[in-house]
Amino acid sequence: MRRILVEHARSHQAVKRGSAESKLSLDEAIGFSKEPDVDLLALDGALIGLAAMDPQKSRIVELRFFGGLTVEETAEVLGVAPITVHRAWRITKAWLRQELDKGRRR
């Protein structure tokens, strides 16, 4: 799902030519997310960096954000306790927000 959404954002940006940002509402893309509009290209770049630092946290974001899984479902997929996913999700969301804000300021 992540790849599909990122490719859609890339093609949409190419069509717009010169657009600084290409945003796609995940509500439109997957129909069940409660997340606000997100710059998918910036998010993808941040997740690549996160995966290099902490692959498990990157996987949690993919499962929760792109896959729409709950904390409990994510914990089951990863074979960890739900509290582990909850903590990682909270920390990672803050880190991602900071990374995406850095990209907007450039």
PDB file of N, CA and C in Angstrom:
ATOM      1  N   MET A   1       0.833  -1.181   0.000  1.00  0.00           N
ATOM      2  CA  MET A   1       0.000   0.000   0.000  1.00  0.00           C
ATOM      3  C   MET A   1       0.881   1.249   0.000  1.00  0.00           C
ATOM      4  N   ARG A   2       1.950   1.219   0.805  1.00  0.00           N
ATOM      5  CA  ARG A   2       2.853   2.374   0.863  1.00  0.00           C
ATOM      6  C   ARG A   2       3.408   2.697  -0.524  1.00  0.00           C
ATOM      7  N   ARG A   3       3.878   1.685  -1.228  1.00  0.00           N
ATOM      8  CA  ARG A   3       4.459   1.900  -2.557  1.00  0.00           C
ATOM      9  C   ARG A   3       3.441   2.463  -3.533  1.00  0.00           C
ATOM     10  N   ILE A   4       2.234   1.962  -3.468  1.00  0.00           N
ATOM     11  CA  ILE A   4       1.178   2.433  -4.359  1.00  0.00           C
ATOM     12  C   ILE A   4       0.903   3.910  -4.109  1.00  0.00           C
ATOM     13  N   LEU A   5       0.772   4.278  -2.841  1.00  0.00           N
ATOM     14  CA  LEU A   5       0.479   5.666  -2.508  1.00  0.00           C
ATOM     15  C   LEU A   5       1.636   6.596  -2.867  1.00  0.00           C
ATOM     16  N   VAL A   6       2.864   6.146  -2.629  1.00  0.00           N
ATOM     17  CA  VAL A   6       4.028   6.971  -2.963  1.00  0.00           C
ATOM     18  C   VAL A   6       4.132   7.156  -4.469  1.00  0.00           C
ATOM     19  N   GLU A   7       3.918   6.097  -5.236  1.00  0.00           N
ATOM     20  CA  GLU A   7       3.964   6.214  -6.697  1.00  0.00           C
ATOM     21  C   GLU A   7       2.857   7.132  -7.215  1.00  0.00           C
ATOM     22  N   HIS A   8       1.692   7.056  -6.612  1.00  0.00           N
ATOM     23  CA  HIS A   8       0.607   7.954  -6.999  1.00  0.00           C
ATOM     24  C   HIS A   8       1.003   9.396  -6.744  1.00  0.00           C
ATOM     25  N   ALA A   9       1.591   9.656  -5.582  1.00  0.00           N
ATOM     26  CA  ALA A   9       2.019  11.020  -5.250  1.00  0.00           C
ATOM     27  C   ALA A   9       3.099  11.495  -6.214  1.00  0.00           C
ATOM     28  N   ARG A  10       4.030  10.621  -6.574  1.00  0.00           N
ATOM     29  CA  ARG A  10       5.085  10.996  -7.520  1.00  0.00           C
ATOM     30  C   ARG A  10       4.495  11.335  -8.887  1.00  0.00           C
ATOM     31  N   SER A  11       3.587  10.518  -9.361  1.00  0.00           N
ATOM     32  CA  SER A  11       3.009  10.778 -10.684  1.00  0.00           C
ATOM     33  C   SER A  11       2.161  12.040 -10.655  1.00  0.00           C
ATOM     34  N   HIS A  12       1.471  12.263  -9.570  1.00  0.00           N
ATOM     35  CA  HIS A  12       0.658  13.471  -9.431  1.00  0.00           C
ATOM     36  C   HIS A  12       1.552  14.708  -9.428  1.00  0.00           C
ATOM     37  N   GLN A  13       2.693  14.622  -8.759  1.00  0.00           N
ATOM     38  CA  GLN A  13       3.631  15.737  -8.709  1.00  0.00           C
ATOM     39  C   GLN A  13       4.221  15.987 -10.096  1.00  0.00           C
ATOM     40  N   ALA A  14       4.510  14.941 -10.824  1.00  0.00           N
ATOM     41  CA  ALA A  14       5.065  15.095 -12.167  1.00  0.00           C
ATOM     42  C   ALA A  14       4.083  15.804 -13.089  1.00  0.00           C
ATOM     43  N   VAL A  15       2.810  15.509 -12.928  1.00  0.00           N
ATOM     44  CA  VAL A  15       1.784  16.141 -13.751  1.00  0.00           C
ATOM     45  C   VAL A  15       1.678  17.625 -13.428  1.00  0.00           C
ATOM     46  N   LYS A  16       1.808  17.975 -12.175  1.00  0.00           N
ATOM     47  CA  LYS A  16       1.656  19.369 -11.768  1.00  0.00           C
ATOM     48  C   LYS A  16       2.862  20.223 -12.174  1.00  0.00           C
ATOM     49  N   ARG A  17       4.022  19.616 -12.388  1.00  0.00           N
ATOM     50  CA  ARG A  17       5.253  20.318 -12.787  1.00  0.00           C
ATOM     51  C   ARG A  17       5.491  21.575 -11.971  1.00  0.00           C
ATOM     52  N   GLY A  18       6.532  21.499 -11.186  1.00  0.00           N
ATOM     53  CA  GLY A  18       6.924  22.658 -10.399  1.00  0.00           C
ATOM     54  C   GLY A  18       6.224  22.762  -9.061  1.00  0.00           C
ATOM     55  N   SER A  19       5.364  21.860  -8.737  1.00  0.00           N
ATOM     56  CA  SER A  19       4.704  21.895  -7.448  1.00  0.00           C
ATOM     57  C   SER A  19       5.709  21.565  -6.353  1.00  0.00           C
ATOM     58  N   ALA A  20       5.741  22.369  -5.324  1.00  0.00           N
ATOM     59  CA  ALA A  20       6.674  22.135  -4.218  1.00  0.00           C
ATOM     60  C   ALA A  20       6.249  20.936  -3.387  1.00  0.00           C
ATOM     61  N   GLU A  21       4.948  20.726  -3.259  1.00  0.00           N
ATOM     62  CA  GLU A  21       4.462  19.614  -2.466  1.00  0.00           C
ATOM     63  C   GLU A  21       3.293  18.947  -3.179  1.00  0.00           C
ATOM     64  N   SER A  22       3.235  17.640  -3.030  1.00  0.00           N
ATOM     65  CA  SER A  22       2.105  16.909  -3.556  1.00  0.00           C
ATOM     66  C   SER A  22       1.456  16.176  -2.397  1.00  0.00           C
ATOM     67  N   LYS A  23       0.218  16.550  -2.076  1.00  0.00           N
ATOM     68  CA  LYS A  23      -0.452  15.927  -0.944  1.00  0.00           C
ATOM     69  C   LYS A  23      -1.641  15.129  -1.431  1.00  0.00           C
ATOM     70  N   LEU A  24      -1.823  14.002  -0.783  1.00  0.00           N
ATOM     71  CA  LEU A  24      -2.938  13.128  -1.073  1.00  0.00           C
ATOM     72  C   LEU A  24      -3.578  12.784   0.252  1.00  0.00           C
ATOM     73  N   SER A  25      -4.838  13.041   0.387  1.00  0.00           N
ATOM     74  CA  SER A  25      -5.531  12.686   1.608  1.00  0.00           C
ATOM     75  C   SER A  25      -5.591  11.170   1.696  1.00  0.00           C
ATOM     76  N   LEU A  26      -5.151  10.642   2.815  1.00  0.00           N
ATOM     77  CA  LEU A  26      -5.218   9.193   2.965  1.00  0.00           C
ATOM     78  C   LEU A  26      -6.661   8.714   3.053  1.00  0.00           C
ATOM     79  N   ASP A  27      -7.555   9.609   3.474  1.00  0.00           N
ATOM     80  CA  ASP A  27      -8.973   9.247   3.449  1.00  0.00           C
ATOM     81  C   ASP A  27      -9.391   8.911   2.029  1.00  0.00           C
ATOM     82  N   GLU A  28      -8.904   9.692   1.071  1.00  0.00           N
ATOM     83  CA  GLU A  28      -9.205   9.436  -0.330  1.00  0.00           C
ATOM     84  C   GLU A  28      -8.505   8.172  -0.815  1.00  0.00           C
ATOM     85  N   ALA A  29      -7.273   7.992  -0.369  1.00  0.00           N
ATOM     86  CA  ALA A  29      -6.454   6.892  -0.876  1.00  0.00           C
ATOM     87  C   ALA A  29      -6.881   5.536  -0.346  1.00  0.00           C
ATOM     88  N   ILE A  30      -7.138   5.435   0.945  1.00  0.00           N
ATOM     89  CA  ILE A  30      -7.454   4.116   1.489  1.00  0.00           C
ATOM     90  C   ILE A  30      -8.809   4.060   2.176  1.00  0.00           C
ATOM     91  N   GLY A  31      -9.452   5.205   2.314  1.00  0.00           N
ATOM     92  CA  GLY A  31     -10.829   5.212   2.756  1.00  0.00           C
ATOM     93  C   GLY A  31     -11.096   4.975   4.229  1.00  0.00           C
ATOM     94  N   PHE A  32     -10.079   4.749   5.063  1.00  0.00           N
ATOM     95  CA  PHE A  32     -10.391   4.500   6.456  1.00  0.00           C
ATOM     96  C   PHE A  32      -9.442   5.166   7.429  1.00  0.00           C
ATOM     97  N   SER A  33      -8.506   5.904   6.969  1.00  0.00           N
ATOM     98  CA  SER A  33      -7.554   6.568   7.853  1.00  0.00           C
ATOM     99  C   SER A  33      -8.161   7.843   8.409  1.00  0.00           C
ATOM    100  N   LYS A  34      -7.827   8.159   9.647  1.00  0.00           N
ATOM    101  CA  LYS A  34      -8.262   9.405  10.260  1.00  0.00           C
ATOM    102  C   LYS A  34      -7.112  10.408  10.279  1.00  0.00           C
ATOM    103  N   GLU A  35      -6.032  10.106   9.590  1.00  0.00           N
ATOM    104  CA  GLU A  35      -4.875  10.988   9.533  1.00  0.00           C
ATOM    105  C   GLU A  35      -5.168  12.158   8.599  1.00  0.00           C
ATOM    106  N   PRO A  36      -4.559  13.323   8.881  1.00  0.00           N
ATOM    107  CA  PRO A  36      -4.750  14.471   7.985  1.00  0.00           C
ATOM    108  C   PRO A  36      -3.972  14.287   6.689  1.00  0.00           C
ATOM    109  N   ASP A  37      -4.099  15.282   5.790  1.00  0.00           N
ATOM    110  CA  ASP A  37      -3.326  15.245   4.550  1.00  0.00           C
ATOM    111  C   ASP A  37      -1.851  15.091   4.875  1.00  0.00           C
ATOM    112  N   VAL A  38      -1.173  14.291   4.078  1.00  0.00           N
ATOM    113  CA  VAL A  38       0.231  13.994   4.329  1.00  0.00           C
ATOM    114  C   VAL A  38       0.997  14.104   3.021  1.00  0.00           C
ATOM    115  N   ASP A  39       2.181  14.677   3.078  1.00  0.00           N
ATOM    116  CA  ASP A  39       3.072  14.688   1.928  1.00  0.00           C
ATOM    117  C   ASP A  39       3.705  13.294   1.882  1.00  0.00           C
ATOM    118  N   LEU A  40       3.183  12.444   1.015  1.00  0.00           N
ATOM    119  CA  LEU A  40       3.619  11.051   0.984  1.00  0.00           C
ATOM    120  C   LEU A  40       5.074  10.891   0.571  1.00  0.00           C
ATOM    121  N   LEU A  41       5.568  11.772  -0.274  1.00  0.00           N
ATOM    122  CA  LEU A  41       6.970  11.673  -0.678  1.00  0.00           C
ATOM    123  C   LEU A  41       7.884  11.993   0.500  1.00  0.00           C
ATOM    124  N   ALA A  42       7.540  13.020   1.272  1.00  0.00           N
ATOM    125  CA  ALA A  42       8.330  13.359   2.458  1.00  0.00           C
ATOM    126  C   ALA A  42       8.223  12.248   3.501  1.00  0.00           C
ATOM    127  N   LEU A  43       7.028  11.701   3.672  1.00  0.00           N
ATOM    128  CA  LEU A  43       6.844  10.606   4.622  1.00  0.00           C
ATOM    129  C   LEU A  43       7.655   9.391   4.201  1.00  0.00           C
ATOM    130  N   ASP A  44       7.656   9.063   2.936  1.00  0.00           N
ATOM    131  CA  ASP A  44       8.435   7.933   2.446  1.00  0.00           C
ATOM    132  C   ASP A  44       9.925   8.142   2.718  1.00  0.00           C
ATOM    133  N   GLY A  45      10.415   9.343   2.458  1.00  0.00           N
ATOM    134  CA  GLY A  45      11.820   9.644   2.730  1.00  0.00           C
ATOM    135  C   GLY A  45      12.142   9.511   4.206  1.00  0.00           C
ATOM    136  N   ALA A  46      11.254  10.005   5.057  1.00  0.00           N
ATOM    137  CA  ALA A  46      11.465   9.895   6.504  1.00  0.00           C
ATOM    138  C   ALA A  46      11.444   8.435   6.945  1.00  0.00           C
ATOM    139  N   LEU A  47      10.555   7.642   6.363  1.00  0.00           N
ATOM    140  CA  LEU A  47      10.485   6.222   6.731  1.00  0.00           C
ATOM    141  C   LEU A  47      11.718   5.453   6.282  1.00  0.00           C
ATOM    142  N   ILE A  48      12.312   5.845   5.166  1.00  0.00           N
ATOM    143  CA  ILE A  48      13.549   5.210   4.725  1.00  0.00           C
ATOM    144  C   ILE A  48      14.649   5.485   5.752  1.00  0.00           C
ATOM    145  N   GLY A  49      14.723   6.734   6.211  1.00  0.00           N
ATOM    146  CA  GLY A  49      15.691   7.080   7.251  1.00  0.00           C
ATOM    147  C   GLY A  49      15.415   6.353   8.559  1.00  0.00           C
ATOM    148  N   LEU A  50      14.152   6.263   8.923  1.00  0.00           N
ATOM    149  CA  LEU A  50      13.777   5.562  10.146  1.00  0.00           C
ATOM    150  C   LEU A  50      14.127   4.085  10.063  1.00  0.00           C
ATOM    151  N   ALA A  51      13.900   3.474   8.910  1.00  0.00           N
ATOM    152  CA  ALA A  51      14.204   2.052   8.735  1.00  0.00           C
ATOM    153  C   ALA A  51      15.691   1.778   8.927  1.00  0.00           C
ATOM    154  N   ALA A  52      16.532   2.727   8.512  1.00  0.00           N
ATOM    155  CA  ALA A  52      17.975   2.561   8.695  1.00  0.00           C
ATOM    156  C   ALA A  52      18.346   2.613  10.178  1.00  0.00           C
ATOM    157  N   MET A  53      17.612   3.424  10.945  1.00  0.00           N
ATOM    158  CA  MET A  53      17.892   3.558  12.379  1.00  0.00           C
ATOM    159  C   MET A  53      17.203   2.481  13.209  1.00  0.00           C
ATOM    160  N   ASP A  54      15.945   2.201  12.882  1.00  0.00           N
ATOM    161  CA  ASP A  54      15.149   1.272  13.691  1.00  0.00           C
ATOM    162  C   ASP A  54      14.093   0.608  12.803  1.00  0.00           C
ATOM    163  N   PRO A  55      14.444  -0.549  12.235  1.00  0.00           N
ATOM    164  CA  PRO A  55      13.520  -1.222  11.315  1.00  0.00           C
ATOM    165  C   PRO A  55      12.159  -1.560  11.938  1.00  0.00           C
ATOM    166  N   GLN A  56      12.142  -1.903  13.221  1.00  0.00           N
ATOM    167  CA  GLN A  56      10.870  -2.262  13.853  1.00  0.00           C
ATOM    168  C   GLN A  56       9.923  -1.063  13.913  1.00  0.00           C
ATOM    169  N   LYS A  57      10.438   0.098  14.251  1.00  0.00           N
ATOM    170  CA  LYS A  57       9.579   1.290  14.301  1.00  0.00           C
ATOM    171  C   LYS A  57       9.060   1.632  12.908  1.00  0.00           C
ATOM    172  N   SER A  58       9.901   1.485  11.907  1.00  0.00           N
ATOM    173  CA  SER A  58       9.463   1.730  10.532  1.00  0.00           C
ATOM    174  C   SER A  58       8.340   0.773  10.149  1.00  0.00           C
ATOM    175  N   ARG A  59       8.474  -0.461  10.522  1.00  0.00           N
ATOM    176  CA  ARG A  59       7.448  -1.483  10.230  1.00  0.00           C
ATOM    177  C   ARG A  59       6.144  -1.161  10.953  1.00  0.00           C
ATOM    178  N   ILE A  60       6.260  -0.670  12.183  1.00  0.00           N
ATOM    179  CA  ILE A  60       5.064  -0.292  12.938  1.00  0.00           C
ATOM    180  C   ILE A  60       4.312   0.817  12.212  1.00  0.00           C
ATOM    181  N   VAL A  61       5.033   1.806  11.697  1.00  0.00           N
ATOM    182  CA  VAL A  61       4.386   2.890  10.946  1.00  0.00           C
ATOM    183  C   VAL A  61       3.702   2.333   9.707  1.00  0.00           C
ATOM    184  N   GLU A  62       4.383   1.460   8.985  1.00  0.00           N
ATOM    185  CA  GLU A  62       3.777   0.874   7.786  1.00  0.00           C
ATOM    186  C   GLU A  62       2.495   0.132   8.121  1.00  0.00           C
ATOM    187  N   LEU A  63       2.532  -0.672   9.163  1.00  0.00           N
ATOM    188  CA  LEU A  63       1.356  -1.467   9.531  1.00  0.00           C
ATOM    189  C   LEU A  63       0.212  -0.590  10.034  1.00  0.00           C
ATOM    190  N   ARG A  64       0.534   0.400  10.870  1.00  0.00           N
ATOM    191  CA  ARG A  64      -0.514   1.239  11.439  1.00  0.00           C
ATOM    192  C   ARG A  64      -1.018   2.269  10.433  1.00  0.00           C
ATOM    193  N   PHE A  65      -0.109   3.023   9.831  1.00  0.00           N
ATOM    194  CA  PHE A  65      -0.501   4.141   8.977  1.00  0.00           C
ATOM    195  C   PHE A  65      -0.991   3.684   7.613  1.00  0.00           C
ATOM    196  N   PHE A  66      -0.220   2.825   6.972  1.00  0.00           N
ATOM    197  CA  PHE A  66      -0.582   2.383   5.622  1.00  0.00           C
ATOM    198  C   PHE A  66      -1.501   1.169   5.640  1.00  0.00           C
ATOM    199  N   GLY A  67      -1.312   0.302   6.615  1.00  0.00           N
ATOM    200  CA  GLY A  67      -2.117  -0.913   6.675  1.00  0.00           C
ATOM    201  C   GLY A  67      -3.403  -0.759   7.454  1.00  0.00           C
ATOM    202  N   GLY A  68      -3.490   0.297   8.282  1.00  0.00           N
ATOM    203  CA  GLY A  68      -4.700   0.536   9.059  1.00  0.00           C
ATOM    204  C   GLY A  68      -4.899  -0.408  10.229  1.00  0.00           C
ATOM    205  N   LEU A  69      -3.836  -1.110  10.639  1.00  0.00           N
ATOM    206  CA  LEU A  69      -3.949  -2.047  11.748  1.00  0.00           C
ATOM    207  C   LEU A  69      -4.029  -1.314  13.079  1.00  0.00           C
ATOM    208  N   THR A  70      -4.694  -1.931  14.037  1.00  0.00           N
ATOM    209  CA  THR A  70      -4.750  -1.396  15.393  1.00  0.00           C
ATOM    210  C   THR A  70      -3.444  -1.729  16.103  1.00  0.00           C
ATOM    211  N   VAL A  71      -3.287  -1.182  17.297  1.00  0.00           N
ATOM    212  CA  VAL A  71      -2.104  -1.492  18.108  1.00  0.00           C
ATOM    213  C   VAL A  71      -2.039  -2.986  18.371  1.00  0.00           C
ATOM    214  N   GLU A  72      -3.170  -3.573  18.725  1.00  0.00           N
ATOM    215  CA  GLU A  72      -3.208  -5.003  19.034  1.00  0.00           C
ATOM    216  C   GLU A  72      -2.876  -5.863  17.805  1.00  0.00           C
ATOM    217  N   GLU A  73      -3.434  -5.502  16.665  1.00  0.00           N
ATOM    218  CA  GLU A  73      -3.157  -6.242  15.428  1.00  0.00           C
ATOM    219  C   GLU A  73      -1.686  -6.115  15.031  1.00  0.00           C
ATOM    220  N   THR A  74      -1.133  -4.919  15.180  1.00  0.00           N
ATOM    221  CA  THR A  74       0.277  -4.699  14.863  1.00  0.00           C
ATOM    222  C   THR A  74       1.157  -5.525  15.785  1.00  0.00           C
ATOM    223  N   ALA A  75       0.831  -5.541  17.065  1.00  0.00           N
ATOM    224  CA  ALA A  75       1.597  -6.331  18.036  1.00  0.00           C
ATOM    225  C   ALA A  75       1.570  -7.811  17.659  1.00  0.00           C
ATOM    226  N   GLU A  76       0.420  -8.292  17.249  1.00  0.00           N
ATOM    227  CA  GLU A  76       0.295  -9.702  16.863  1.00  0.00           C
ATOM    228  C   GLU A  76       1.155 -10.016  15.634  1.00  0.00           C
ATOM    229  N   VAL A  77       1.127  -9.142  14.641  1.00  0.00           N
ATOM    230  CA  VAL A  77       1.926  -9.351  13.428  1.00  0.00           C
ATOM    231  C   VAL A  77       3.414  -9.378  13.759  1.00  0.00           C
ATOM    232  N   LEU A  78       3.843  -8.465  14.642  1.00  0.00           N
ATOM    233  CA  LEU A  78       5.260  -8.362  14.976  1.00  0.00           C
ATOM    234  C   LEU A  78       5.706  -9.319  16.078  1.00  0.00           C
ATOM    235  N   GLY A  79       4.751  -9.922  16.760  1.00  0.00           N
ATOM    236  CA  GLY A  79       5.082 -10.852  17.837  1.00  0.00           C
ATOM    237  C   GLY A  79       5.620 -10.154  19.074  1.00  0.00           C
ATOM    238  N   VAL A  80       5.087  -8.969  19.363  1.00  0.00           N
ATOM    239  CA  VAL A  80       5.496  -8.214  20.546  1.00  0.00           C
ATOM    240  C   VAL A  80       4.250  -7.860  21.351  1.00  0.00           C
ATOM    241  N   ALA A  81       4.466  -7.328  22.550  1.00  0.00           N
ATOM    242  CA  ALA A  81       3.352  -6.914  23.396  1.00  0.00           C
ATOM    243  C   ALA A  81       2.729  -5.627  22.859  1.00  0.00           C
ATOM    244  N   PRO A  82       1.425  -5.474  23.015  1.00  0.00           N
ATOM    245  CA  PRO A  82       0.767  -4.246  22.561  1.00  0.00           C
ATOM    246  C   PRO A  82       1.374  -2.984  23.171  1.00  0.00           C
ATOM    247  N   ILE A  83       1.816  -3.041  24.427  1.00  0.00           N
ATOM    248  CA  ILE A  83       2.410  -1.861  25.055  1.00  0.00           C
ATOM    249  C   ILE A  83       3.693  -1.450  24.331  1.00  0.00           C
ATOM    250  N   THR A  84       4.413  -2.415  23.796  1.00  0.00           N
ATOM    251  CA  THR A  84       5.632  -2.124  23.032  1.00  0.00           C
ATOM    252  C   THR A  84       5.278  -1.346  21.775  1.00  0.00           C
ATOM    253  N   VAL A  85       4.238  -1.777  21.088  1.00  0.00           N
ATOM    254  CA  VAL A  85       3.787  -1.082  19.877  1.00  0.00           C
ATOM    255  C   VAL A  85       3.279   0.309  20.237  1.00  0.00           C
ATOM    256  N   HIS A  86       2.519   0.404  21.309  1.00  0.00           N
ATOM    257  CA  HIS A  86       1.970   1.697  21.723  1.00  0.00           C
ATOM    258  C   HIS A  86       3.088   2.700  22.004  1.00  0.00           C
ATOM    259  N   ARG A  87       4.093   2.296  22.758  1.00  0.00           N
ATOM    260  CA  ARG A  87       5.218   3.190  23.066  1.00  0.00           C
ATOM    261  C   ARG A  87       5.971   3.590  21.796  1.00  0.00           C
ATOM    262  N   ALA A  88       6.274   2.604  20.969  1.00  0.00           N
ATOM    263  CA  ALA A  88       7.019   2.872  19.735  1.00  0.00           C
ATOM    264  C   ALA A  88       6.218   3.788  18.821  1.00  0.00           C
ATOM    265  N   TRP A  89       4.920   3.572  18.725  1.00  0.00           N
ATOM    266  CA  TRP A  89       4.053   4.390  17.874  1.00  0.00           C
ATOM    267  C   TRP A  89       4.058   5.838  18.342  1.00  0.00           C
ATOM    268  N   ARG A  90       3.939   6.037  19.655  1.00  0.00           N
ATOM    269  CA  ARG A  90       3.921   7.383  20.222  1.00  0.00           C
ATOM    270  C   ARG A  90       5.246   8.111  19.951  1.00  0.00           C
ATOM    271  N   ILE A  91       6.357   7.432  20.189  1.00  0.00           N
ATOM    272  CA  ILE A  91       7.688   8.013  19.970  1.00  0.00           C
ATOM    273  C   ILE A  91       7.907   8.295  18.482  1.00  0.00           C
ATOM    274  N   THR A  92       7.533   7.337  17.658  1.00  0.00           N
ATOM    275  CA  THR A  92       7.777   7.451  16.219  1.00  0.00           C
ATOM    276  C   THR A  92       6.926   8.543  15.587  1.00  0.00           C
ATOM    277  N   LYS A  93       5.685   8.683  16.027  1.00  0.00           N
ATOM    278  CA  LYS A  93       4.846   9.765  15.496  1.00  0.00           C
ATOM    279  C   LYS A  93       5.475  11.123  15.782  1.00  0.00           C
ATOM    280  N   ALA A  94       6.011  11.293  16.982  1.00  0.00           N
ATOM    281  CA  ALA A  94       6.658  12.557  17.331  1.00  0.00           C
ATOM    282  C   ALA A  94       7.897  12.770  16.467  1.00  0.00           C
ATOM    283  N   TRP A  95       8.682  11.723  16.265  1.00  0.00           N
ATOM    284  CA  TRP A  95       9.883  11.823  15.438  1.00  0.00           C
ATOM    285  C   TRP A  95       9.522  12.161  13.992  1.00  0.00           C
ATOM    286  N   LEU A  96       8.523  11.475  13.459  1.00  0.00           N
ATOM    287  CA  LEU A  96       8.094  11.734  12.084  1.00  0.00           C
ATOM    288  C   LEU A  96       7.563  13.151  11.923  1.00  0.00           C
ATOM    289  N   ARG A  97       6.793  13.616  12.878  1.00  0.00           N
ATOM    290  CA  ARG A  97       6.256  14.976  12.817  1.00  0.00           C
ATOM    291  C   ARG A  97       7.409  15.979  12.748  1.00  0.00           C
ATOM    292  N   GLN A  98       8.434  15.751  13.558  1.00  0.00           N
ATOM    293  CA  GLN A  98       9.608  16.627  13.559  1.00  0.00           C
ATOM    294  C   GLN A  98      10.337  16.569  12.212  1.00  0.00           C
ATOM    295  N   GLU A  99      10.520  15.383  11.674  1.00  0.00           N
ATOM    296  CA  GLU A  99      11.194  15.228  10.381  1.00  0.00           C
ATOM    297  C   GLU A  99      10.410  15.883   9.251  1.00  0.00           C
ATOM    298  N   LEU A 100       9.102  15.705   9.257  1.00  0.00           N
ATOM    299  CA  LEU A 100       8.275  16.303   8.209  1.00  0.00           C
ATOM    300  C   LEU A 100       8.234  17.832   8.337  1.00  0.00           C
ATOM    301  N   ASP A 101       8.257  18.322   9.562  1.00  0.00           N
ATOM    302  CA  ASP A 101       8.308  19.767   9.756  1.00  0.00           C
ATOM    303  C   ASP A 101       9.619  20.347   9.256  1.00  0.00           C
ATOM    304  N   LYS A 102      10.716  19.633   9.450  1.00  0.00           N
ATOM    305  CA  LYS A 102      12.028  20.076   8.929  1.00  0.00           C
ATOM    306  C   LYS A 102      11.965  20.217   7.418  1.00  0.00           C
ATOM    307  N   GLY A 103      11.339  19.259   6.747  1.00  0.00           N
ATOM    308  CA  GLY A 103      11.229  19.289   5.297  1.00  0.00           C
ATOM    309  C   GLY A 103      10.391  20.452   4.798  1.00  0.00           C
ATOM    310  N   ARG A 104       9.402  20.839   5.546  1.00  0.00           N
ATOM    311  CA  ARG A 104       8.531  21.965   5.146  1.00  0.00           C
ATOM    312  C   ARG A 104       9.264  23.298   5.261  1.00  0.00           C
ATOM    313  N   ARG A 105      10.185  23.384   6.213  1.00  0.00           N
ATOM    314  CA  ARG A 105      10.909  24.638   6.431  1.00  0.00           C
ATOM    315  C   ARG A 105      11.986  24.875   5.395  1.00  0.00           C
ATOM    316  N   ARG A 106      12.373  23.860   4.665  1.00  0.00           N
ATOM    317  CA  ARG A 106      13.457  24.011   3.688  1.00  0.00           C
ATOM    318  C   ARG A 106      13.008  24.736   2.472  1.00  0.00           C
TER     319      ARG A 106
END
